[in-house]
Amino acid sequence: MGGLSIGASFLPLTVVIDMLITARNLIQFVGQIVALWLLRRRRDPGPYDRDGLGSFAVRVAGH
């Protein structure tokens, strides 16, 4: 952390803030992808969980 702080001290504050916001968003985005992948991998597929949009159309037309 110290090395990153020293390196960041040579950059303008707006650049540092933009980098921190970008890093936070990327970490959150990747975390959500991994969580969704794990959730889908661990649960049993239902009768309509086979083909995505087609199953959505069946559910909408059926109700």
C-alpha atoms as a PDB file:
ATOM      1  CA  MET A   1       0.000   0.000   0.000  1.00  0.00           C
ATOM      2  CA  GLY A   2       2.826   2.362   0.733  1.00  0.00           C
ATOM      3  CA  GLY A   3       4.298   1.931  -2.725  1.00  0.00           C
ATOM      4  CA  LEU A   4       0.923   2.609  -4.340  1.00  0.00           C
ATOM      5  CA  SER A   5       0.516   5.700  -2.191  1.00  0.00           C
ATOM      6  CA  ILE A   6       3.943   6.995  -3.165  1.00  0.00           C
ATOM      7  CA  GLY A   7       3.231   6.344  -6.843  1.00  0.00           C
ATOM      8  CA  ALA A   8      -0.177   7.992  -6.645  1.00  0.00           C
ATOM      9  CA  SER A   9       1.315  11.095  -5.031  1.00  0.00           C
ATOM     10  CA  PHE A  10       3.002  11.969  -8.340  1.00  0.00           C
ATOM     11  CA  LEU A  11      -0.306  11.979 -10.240  1.00  0.00           C
ATOM     12  CA  PRO A  12      -2.968  14.688 -10.260  1.00  0.00           C
ATOM     13  CA  LEU A  13      -5.727  14.139  -7.719  1.00  0.00           C
ATOM     14  CA  THR A  14      -8.445  13.837 -10.378  1.00  0.00           C
ATOM     15  CA  VAL A  15      -6.547  10.976 -12.037  1.00  0.00           C
ATOM     16  CA  VAL A  16      -6.155   9.169  -8.705  1.00  0.00           C
ATOM     17  CA  ILE A  17      -9.855   9.577  -7.931  1.00  0.00           C
ATOM     18  CA  ASP A  18     -10.834   8.321 -11.401  1.00  0.00           C
ATOM     19  CA  MET A  19      -8.549   5.290 -11.004  1.00  0.00           C
ATOM     20  CA  LEU A  20     -10.037   4.464  -7.594  1.00  0.00           C
ATOM     21  CA  ILE A  21     -13.609   4.735  -8.877  1.00  0.00           C
ATOM     22  CA  THR A  22     -12.773   2.554 -11.884  1.00  0.00           C
ATOM     23  CA  ALA A  23     -11.100  -0.058  -9.669  1.00  0.00           C
ATOM     24  CA  ARG A  24     -14.073  -0.122  -7.316  1.00  0.00           C
ATOM     25  CA  ASN A  25     -16.521  -0.586 -10.187  1.00  0.00           C
ATOM     26  CA  LEU A  26     -14.448  -3.339 -11.799  1.00  0.00           C
ATOM     27  CA  ILE A  27     -14.090  -5.227  -8.520  1.00  0.00           C
ATOM     28  CA  GLN A  28     -17.840  -5.025  -7.921  1.00  0.00           C
ATOM     29  CA  PHE A  29     -18.633  -6.090 -11.503  1.00  0.00           C
ATOM     30  CA  VAL A  30     -16.285  -9.082 -11.435  1.00  0.00           C
ATOM     31  CA  GLY A  31     -17.604 -10.079  -8.004  1.00  0.00           C
ATOM     32  CA  GLN A  32     -21.162 -10.099  -9.300  1.00  0.00           C
ATOM     33  CA  ILE A  33     -20.172 -12.212 -12.289  1.00  0.00           C
ATOM     34  CA  VAL A  34     -18.453 -14.784 -10.075  1.00  0.00           C
ATOM     35  CA  ALA A  35     -21.367 -14.846  -7.611  1.00  0.00           C
ATOM     36  CA  LEU A  36     -23.906 -15.366 -10.394  1.00  0.00           C
ATOM     37  CA  TRP A  37     -21.782 -18.112 -11.937  1.00  0.00           C
ATOM     38  CA  LEU A  38     -21.513 -19.895  -8.571  1.00  0.00           C
ATOM     39  CA  LEU A  39     -25.228 -19.479  -7.887  1.00  0.00           C
ATOM     40  CA  ARG A  40     -26.223 -20.942 -11.243  1.00  0.00           C
ATOM     41  CA  ARG A  41     -23.730 -23.765 -10.895  1.00  0.00           C
ATOM     42  CA  ARG A  42     -24.951 -24.855  -7.465  1.00  0.00           C
ATOM     43  CA  ARG A  43     -28.725 -24.804  -7.936  1.00  0.00           C
ATOM     44  CA  ASP A  44     -30.881 -27.389  -9.660  1.00  0.00           C
ATOM     45  CA  PRO A  45     -32.239 -26.266 -13.021  1.00  0.00           C
ATOM     46  CA  GLY A  46     -35.978 -25.853 -13.180  1.00  0.00           C
ATOM     47  CA  PRO A  47     -38.155 -26.998 -16.077  1.00  0.00           C
ATOM     48  CA  TYR A  48     -37.734 -23.652 -17.895  1.00  0.00           C
ATOM     49  CA  ASP A  49     -34.040 -23.016 -17.199  1.00  0.00           C
ATOM     50  CA  ARG A  50     -32.752 -24.570 -20.393  1.00  0.00           C
ATOM     51  CA  ASP A  51     -32.639 -21.947 -23.139  1.00  0.00           C
ATOM     52  CA  GLY A  52     -32.984 -18.458 -21.666  1.00  0.00           C
ATOM     53  CA  LEU A  53     -35.211 -16.291 -23.858  1.00  0.00           C
ATOM     54  CA  GLY A  54     -37.341 -19.198 -25.101  1.00  0.00           C
ATOM     55  CA  SER A  55     -38.184 -20.226 -21.563  1.00  0.00           C
ATOM     56  CA  PHE A  56     -39.038 -16.605 -20.744  1.00  0.00           C
ATOM     57  CA  ALA A  57     -41.476 -16.529 -23.673  1.00  0.00           C
ATOM     58  CA  VAL A  58     -43.091 -19.767 -22.470  1.00  0.00           C
ATOM     59  CA  ARG A  59     -43.550 -18.344 -18.974  1.00  0.00           C
ATOM     60  CA  VAL A  60     -45.022 -15.070 -20.254  1.00  0.00           C
ATOM     61  CA  ALA A  61     -47.383 -16.815 -22.674  1.00  0.00           C
ATOM     62  CA  GLY A  62     -48.446 -19.311 -20.019  1.00  0.00           C
ATOM     63  CA  HIS A  63     -49.527 -16.685 -17.483  1.00  0.00           C
END
